[in-house]
Structures are given as structure tokens and as C-alpha cells.
């Protein structure tokens, strides 16, 4: 993918070399502010950066700088930390759809040719089989000394910082015209995304409560969970899967102001309110790829 020069941005929004620098900034200036919630677990920005930094150093010891790391995981706090740790360790992360069949996922694993495969505990056996195809090492996220609380148990060290021109991500297309194709991204591309979105929707920093239900192996879910909310220093709420009733409950519980979802998710959410009545917070903007923000009333 060609290198991208970030578009012009409004002067009241900051410029960061990479999104990992933005996370370090949030930890330094808003460390005690809530950063991420998934189900009943809530962490602040200081904990976020510490967990990412600790795991990134573990990844670095495995020699993944400049290498690819595949992920076989579902939406969770562990997945967010593991993805960010890969970015901070200067690896190229490649999240894969864990619901794919072996026939569907094996060509993608061979295409990625990862040094590591990071997986959930329930996918460990399958990840080890896939790792044999490419000679990769498997790391089970959230297990033993990689559990989130263990990542916070030691002293907080500096967050490793990548370079803007580093290749940082590989996302696969839907495969409607054949095998899915890998699209590469550099850290500079991710910052260009932030500046482009903020030009269209100038949301305030330090105030937003963002809800995402899209899977993190999809570029949309990835960008509206790991990238844009951190740039805004927002409170990010992540659901393991899309369920209309759960979405509406989170609106009220977390006082959601921005819902990052496509038109179909918005429609089903409204239909869900007919079946599962629940009050939702007023004035909630929705960011979706096919329509401008709308206001919830």
C-alpha cells in the first residue's frame, strides 16, 4: 500500500507519530480516566498503557520486530491488549476471523506467514495445528503470566514506541471475488484515518463514550475500538458480540455518546428496542460508513 501523507487537521486536535504515541499521551495526561470497558471489566488509561507495554516487551523478547503476528481471537479485553502490544512491539498484526473453517483460514495463515499466533484459550488446539503450517509459535492470551492482572503486577515501564513508516497491520478483504486479499497498513495510514474522521465528525476529546460491537478482526471494529477512541482519549465500550438488547443496555449503563456501527446495526438496534424496551441516553451520535452521524432521541 502506498505511503500516505496525513490530511490537514484542525489545529485544536493533536498530531501524533503513531497511535501508540497517542496511548502514551493519554496515560500521561489522563491516566486515571476510564479507557476501556468490556462486560464488567473497566480499566483506565494508565492500566491500559501498562498492560500493553508489559506484553509488548514480552513480544519483543520473542523477536517479532518487523515480523507478522496472527491473531485468532474474539472481542475481549485480552484481544485489545494483545493487538496493541503487537503494534507497540513494531510487528505487523494480522487479525483473522476465528469462525472461518479450516479450509477458509489455512490459506490466510500461509499468506500471513506469522512468527507468532496469538489465540484465546478455547482456540489453542486449533492455533497449534495452524502454527504447524508455517512453523509459528503459539501464545495463549490471558493465560497464566499473560493474564491482565499479572501484566499489571510489575513496575510500569515506558511504553515501546514504533515508527510512523513501520508496517503495522494486515487486514483481509471479504473474499467476494476469490480468496480474501491482505491489505497492508502503516502507522502513518492509521493516523491519516484519525485526521480524516475528525475532519468529518469533530468530536470533542476527553468527553466521548464510544460503543463498538463490530469484530476486531475487521478493519471497522479495529479502527473504532483501538484507534479513533484512543486518539480522542475517549471511554471505549466493547461488546463481545452484537446483540440488540445488550447494545441498548450498554447505552444506558455507560451513557454512550457515539455508536460506531453500520446502518444494519442501527436498524436492528432500533428494532431491538421494540422487543426489549430500555431507555437510552439522548443525543448519541452514530458513526457509520454509509451515512453521516445521526442523533438518538
Protein backbone atom coordinates (compact mmCIF):
# COMPACT_ATOMS: atom_id res chain seq x y z
CA UNK A 1 0.00 0.00 0.00
CA UNK A 2 1.43 3.46 -0.88
CA UNK A 3 2.64 5.58 1.97
CA UNK A 4 0.09 8.21 2.90
CA UNK A 5 0.67 11.79 3.97
CA UNK A 6 -1.88 12.58 6.71
CA UNK A 7 -4.53 15.08 5.58
CA UNK A 8 -4.82 18.53 7.07
CA UNK A 9 -6.36 18.54 10.53
CA UNK A 10 -7.91 21.19 12.72
CA UNK A 11 -5.23 22.84 14.90
CA UNK A 12 -7.13 22.06 18.10
CA UNK A 13 -6.54 18.33 17.52
CA UNK A 14 -3.08 16.91 18.23
CA UNK A 15 -0.61 15.33 15.85
CA UNK A 16 0.98 12.01 16.86
CA UNK A 17 3.62 9.97 15.03
CA UNK A 18 1.63 6.77 15.73
CA UNK A 19 -1.46 5.73 17.67
CA UNK A 20 0.83 4.11 20.27
CA UNK A 21 2.21 7.60 20.95
CA UNK A 22 -1.40 8.72 21.45
CA UNK A 23 -1.92 5.94 24.02
CA UNK A 24 1.23 7.03 25.86
CA UNK A 25 -0.06 10.62 25.85
CA UNK A 26 -3.44 9.54 27.25
CA UNK A 27 -1.72 7.57 30.03
CA UNK A 28 0.48 10.55 30.89
CA UNK A 29 -2.26 13.20 30.92
CA UNK A 30 -5.46 11.22 31.62
CA UNK A 31 -4.12 8.16 33.41
CA UNK A 32 -6.98 7.89 35.88
CA UNK A 33 -9.72 8.37 33.27
CA UNK A 34 -11.73 5.31 32.19
CA UNK A 35 -10.34 3.99 28.92
CA UNK A 36 -11.91 0.66 28.08
CA UNK A 37 -14.82 -1.46 29.29
CA UNK A 38 -15.73 -4.97 28.23
CA UNK A 39 -18.61 -6.62 30.09
CA UNK A 40 -17.99 -5.91 33.79
CA UNK A 41 -14.29 -5.05 33.48
CA UNK A 42 -13.23 -1.39 33.28
CA UNK A 43 -9.64 -0.17 33.01
CA UNK A 44 -8.17 3.33 32.98
CA UNK A 45 -5.58 4.75 30.60
CA UNK A 46 -2.66 4.16 32.96
CA UNK A 47 -3.59 0.47 33.26
CA UNK A 48 -4.18 0.27 29.50
CA UNK A 49 -0.70 1.56 28.67
CA UNK A 50 1.00 -0.52 31.38
CA UNK A 51 -0.60 -3.77 30.20
CA UNK A 52 0.23 -3.01 26.57
CA UNK A 53 3.82 -2.07 27.45
CA UNK A 54 4.42 -5.20 29.51
CA UNK A 55 3.05 -7.51 26.84
CA UNK A 56 4.87 -5.60 24.07
CA UNK A 57 8.17 -6.21 25.85
CA UNK A 58 7.30 -9.92 26.12
CA UNK A 59 6.57 -9.95 22.41
CA UNK A 60 9.83 -8.13 21.73
CA UNK A 61 11.74 -10.85 23.57
CA UNK A 62 10.22 -13.29 21.07
CA UNK A 63 11.91 -11.36 18.25
CA UNK A 64 8.81 -10.13 16.43
CA UNK A 65 10.07 -6.67 15.43
CA UNK A 66 9.40 -6.41 11.70
CA UNK A 67 7.65 -9.79 11.73
CA UNK A 68 3.96 -10.67 11.35
CA UNK A 69 1.73 -11.82 14.20
CA UNK A 70 -1.58 -13.57 13.51
CA UNK A 71 -4.50 -13.38 15.94
CA UNK A 72 -7.19 -15.99 16.36
CA UNK A 73 -9.37 -14.25 18.93
CA UNK A 74 -12.82 -12.86 19.67
CA UNK A 75 -13.72 -9.41 21.03
CA UNK A 76 -12.34 -9.12 24.55
CA UNK A 77 -10.11 -7.04 26.78
CA UNK A 78 -7.34 -9.57 26.17
CA UNK A 79 -7.63 -9.14 22.40
CA UNK A 80 -7.40 -5.35 22.63
CA UNK A 81 -4.27 -5.53 24.79
CA UNK A 82 -2.68 -8.20 22.57
CA UNK A 83 -3.33 -6.22 19.37
CA UNK A 84 -1.93 -3.01 20.84
CA UNK A 85 1.09 -4.88 22.18
CA UNK A 86 1.83 -6.10 18.66
CA UNK A 87 1.65 -2.53 17.36
CA UNK A 88 3.93 -1.27 20.13
CA UNK A 89 6.43 -4.09 19.53
CA UNK A 90 6.80 -2.92 15.89
CA UNK A 91 5.24 -6.08 14.50
CA UNK A 92 2.66 -6.28 11.71
CA UNK A 93 -0.53 -7.60 13.25
CA UNK A 94 -2.92 -9.79 11.23
CA UNK A 95 -6.26 -10.47 12.97
CA UNK A 96 -8.10 -13.44 11.45
CA UNK A 97 -11.74 -14.46 11.64
CA UNK A 98 -11.86 -17.31 14.21
CA UNK A 99 -15.21 -18.53 12.84
CA UNK A 100 -13.68 -19.47 9.48
CA UNK A 101 -13.47 -23.15 8.70
CA UNK A 102 -10.05 -24.76 8.38
CA UNK A 103 -10.42 -24.70 4.59
CA UNK A 104 -11.05 -20.96 4.71
CA UNK A 105 -8.42 -19.97 7.26
CA UNK A 106 -5.47 -22.15 6.28
CA UNK A 107 -4.65 -20.20 3.06
CA UNK A 108 -4.77 -16.96 5.06
CA UNK A 109 -2.36 -18.27 7.70
CA UNK A 110 0.02 -19.34 4.94
CA UNK A 111 -0.32 -15.91 3.31
CA UNK A 112 0.45 -14.11 6.59
CA UNK A 113 3.34 -16.50 7.42
CA UNK A 114 3.40 -15.28 11.04
CA UNK A 115 6.19 -15.60 13.58
CA UNK A 116 3.59 -15.85 16.36
CA UNK A 117 -0.07 -16.83 16.55
CA UNK A 118 -1.95 -15.27 19.47
CA UNK A 119 -5.17 -17.03 20.43
CA UNK A 120 -7.90 -17.35 23.03
CA UNK A 121 -7.68 -20.37 25.36
CA UNK A 122 -10.60 -22.08 23.59
CA UNK A 123 -8.77 -21.82 20.24
CA UNK A 124 -5.37 -23.01 21.49
CA UNK A 125 -5.54 -26.50 20.00
CA UNK A 126 -6.63 -25.19 16.61
CA UNK A 127 -3.96 -22.46 16.69
CA UNK A 128 -1.26 -25.10 17.31
CA UNK A 129 -2.44 -27.05 14.26
CA UNK A 130 -2.35 -23.91 12.13
CA UNK A 131 1.07 -22.96 13.50
CA UNK A 132 2.50 -26.21 12.14
CA UNK A 133 1.73 -24.99 8.61
CA UNK A 134 4.20 -22.09 8.94
CA UNK A 135 6.46 -23.01 11.85
CA UNK A 136 4.97 -20.34 14.13
CA UNK A 137 4.94 -20.20 17.93
CA UNK A 138 1.58 -20.07 19.72
CA UNK A 139 0.89 -17.75 22.65
CA UNK A 140 -2.39 -18.10 24.55
CA UNK A 141 -3.62 -14.64 25.55
CA UNK A 142 -4.92 -14.20 29.08
CA UNK A 143 -3.33 -17.42 30.31
CA UNK A 144 -1.01 -17.72 33.32
CA UNK A 145 1.51 -14.87 33.44
CA UNK A 146 -0.17 -13.18 30.45
CA UNK A 147 -3.43 -12.66 32.37
CA UNK A 148 -4.36 -9.00 32.54
CA UNK A 149 -3.86 -8.68 36.30
CA UNK A 150 -0.43 -10.28 36.00
CA UNK A 151 0.53 -7.76 33.31
CA UNK A 152 -0.15 -5.03 35.87
CA UNK A 153 1.63 -6.73 38.77
CA UNK A 154 5.13 -5.48 37.97
CA UNK A 155 6.50 -1.94 37.80
CA UNK A 156 5.27 0.17 34.92
CA UNK A 157 7.97 0.70 32.32
CA UNK A 158 7.97 3.06 29.34
CA UNK A 159 5.62 2.14 26.52
CA UNK A 160 7.63 0.92 23.49
CA UNK A 161 7.05 3.25 20.56
CA UNK A 162 7.07 2.28 16.86
CA UNK A 163 7.96 4.43 13.86
CA UNK A 164 5.39 6.09 11.57
CA UNK A 165 6.64 4.24 8.49
CA UNK A 166 6.54 0.79 10.13
CA UNK A 167 4.16 -1.71 8.56
CA UNK A 168 1.72 -2.28 11.40
CA UNK A 169 -1.37 -4.20 10.23
CA UNK A 170 -2.63 -6.66 7.64
CA UNK A 171 -6.40 -6.99 7.21
CA UNK A 172 -8.07 -9.34 4.78
CA UNK A 173 -10.84 -8.39 2.38
CA UNK A 174 -14.14 -10.26 2.36
CA UNK A 175 -13.19 -12.61 -0.46
CA UNK A 176 -16.26 -11.99 -2.64
CA UNK A 177 -14.18 -12.38 -5.84
CA UNK A 178 -11.98 -15.25 -4.67
CA UNK A 179 -9.65 -15.79 -1.73
CA UNK A 180 -9.53 -12.82 0.68
CA UNK A 181 -6.65 -10.48 -0.11
CA UNK A 182 -4.39 -8.94 2.52
CA UNK A 183 -4.34 -5.13 2.69
CA UNK A 184 -1.28 -3.68 4.44
CA UNK A 185 -1.26 -0.59 6.62
CA UNK A 186 1.49 1.56 8.09
CA UNK A 187 1.22 3.51 11.32
CA UNK A 188 1.08 6.69 9.26
CA UNK A 189 -2.01 5.33 7.48
CA UNK A 190 -3.79 4.84 10.82
CA UNK A 191 -3.09 8.42 11.81
CA UNK A 192 -4.39 9.59 8.42
CA UNK A 193 -7.59 7.73 9.27
CA UNK A 194 -7.91 9.66 12.55
CA UNK A 195 -7.39 13.03 10.88
CA UNK A 196 -9.88 12.19 8.13
CA UNK A 197 -12.60 11.09 10.55
CA UNK A 198 -12.11 14.08 12.82
CA UNK A 199 -12.43 16.38 9.79
CA UNK A 200 -15.88 14.88 9.10
CA UNK A 201 -17.00 14.43 12.70
CA UNK A 202 -15.13 16.86 15.01
CA UNK A 203 -15.98 15.05 18.24
CA UNK A 204 -14.54 16.54 21.45
CA UNK A 205 -11.58 14.97 23.18
CA UNK A 206 -11.79 13.70 26.76
CA UNK A 207 -15.60 13.52 26.67
CA UNK A 208 -16.85 10.77 24.35
CA UNK A 209 -18.25 7.40 25.40
CA UNK A 210 -17.89 5.18 22.32
CA UNK A 211 -19.62 1.83 21.83
CA UNK A 212 -18.42 -0.75 19.29
CA UNK A 213 -19.88 -4.17 18.54
CA UNK A 214 -18.03 -5.00 15.31
CA UNK A 215 -15.41 -7.78 15.46
CA UNK A 216 -11.84 -6.63 15.99
CA UNK A 217 -10.60 -8.82 13.12
CA UNK A 218 -12.50 -6.44 10.81
CA UNK A 219 -10.90 -3.10 9.91
CA UNK A 220 -14.02 -1.20 11.04
CA UNK A 221 -14.13 -2.76 14.50
CA UNK A 222 -10.35 -2.39 14.85
CA UNK A 223 -10.29 1.30 13.96
CA UNK A 224 -13.29 2.25 16.09
CA UNK A 225 -12.00 0.34 19.12
CA UNK A 226 -8.22 0.67 19.15
CA UNK A 227 -7.53 3.72 17.02
CA UNK A 228 -10.07 6.55 16.97
CA UNK A 229 -11.24 6.33 20.63
CA UNK A 230 -7.63 6.45 21.88
CA UNK A 231 -6.95 9.46 19.65
CA UNK A 232 -9.94 11.18 21.30
CA UNK A 233 -8.91 9.94 24.77
CA UNK A 234 -12.46 8.60 24.93
CA UNK A 235 -14.06 5.91 27.08
CA UNK A 236 -14.34 2.87 24.81
CA UNK A 237 -17.04 0.26 25.45
CA UNK A 238 -16.61 -3.07 23.66
CA UNK A 239 -19.13 -5.90 23.43
CA UNK A 240 -18.06 -9.49 22.71
CA UNK A 241 -20.81 -9.81 20.08
CA UNK A 242 -23.71 -7.86 18.63
CA UNK A 243 -26.99 -8.38 20.47
CA UNK A 244 -29.56 -5.57 20.23
CA UNK A 245 -30.75 -5.90 23.82
CA UNK A 246 -27.16 -5.80 25.13
CA UNK A 247 -26.40 -2.75 22.99
CA UNK A 248 -29.36 -0.85 24.40
CA UNK A 249 -28.43 -1.83 27.94
CA UNK A 250 -24.90 -0.51 27.40
CA UNK A 251 -26.30 2.78 26.06
CA UNK A 252 -27.94 3.39 29.41
CA UNK A 253 -25.31 1.83 31.67
CA UNK A 254 -22.30 3.58 30.09
CA UNK A 255 -24.06 6.78 28.91
CA UNK A 256 -22.92 6.18 25.33
CA UNK A 257 -22.48 9.28 23.17
CA UNK A 258 -21.11 7.70 19.97
CA UNK A 259 -22.10 4.35 18.47
CA UNK A 260 -19.67 3.04 15.85
CA UNK A 261 -21.96 0.85 13.78
CA UNK A 262 -23.20 0.44 10.23
CA UNK A 263 -26.78 1.03 9.08
CA UNK A 264 -27.83 -2.60 9.63
CA UNK A 265 -26.67 -2.47 13.25
CA UNK A 266 -28.55 0.79 13.76
CA UNK A 267 -31.71 -0.68 12.29
CA UNK A 268 -31.52 -3.83 14.38
CA UNK A 269 -30.82 -1.73 17.45
CA UNK A 270 -33.99 0.23 16.88
CA UNK A 271 -35.92 -2.99 16.29
CA UNK A 272 -34.40 -4.39 19.46
CA UNK A 273 -35.92 -1.51 21.39
CA UNK A 274 -39.35 -2.70 20.27
CA UNK A 275 -38.69 -6.18 21.61
CA UNK A 276 -36.52 -5.30 24.63
CA UNK A 277 -37.71 -1.88 25.85
CA UNK A 278 -34.91 0.03 27.52
CA UNK A 279 -34.32 3.76 27.94
CA UNK A 280 -31.32 5.10 26.05
CA UNK A 281 -29.34 8.24 26.63
CA UNK A 282 -30.33 11.24 24.48
CA UNK A 283 -28.01 12.89 21.98
CA UNK A 284 -25.98 9.89 20.92
CA UNK A 285 -24.15 10.24 17.60
CA UNK A 286 -23.68 7.28 15.31
CA UNK A 287 -20.64 6.91 13.07
CA UNK A 288 -21.21 4.53 10.16
CA UNK A 289 -19.58 4.10 6.75
CA UNK A 290 -22.69 4.72 4.67
CA UNK A 291 -24.34 7.65 6.44
CA UNK A 292 -23.49 10.78 8.45
CA UNK A 293 -23.90 10.81 12.24
CA UNK A 294 -27.47 10.74 13.46
CA UNK A 295 -28.84 11.87 16.80
CA UNK A 296 -30.56 9.42 19.09
CA UNK A 297 -33.63 10.74 20.86
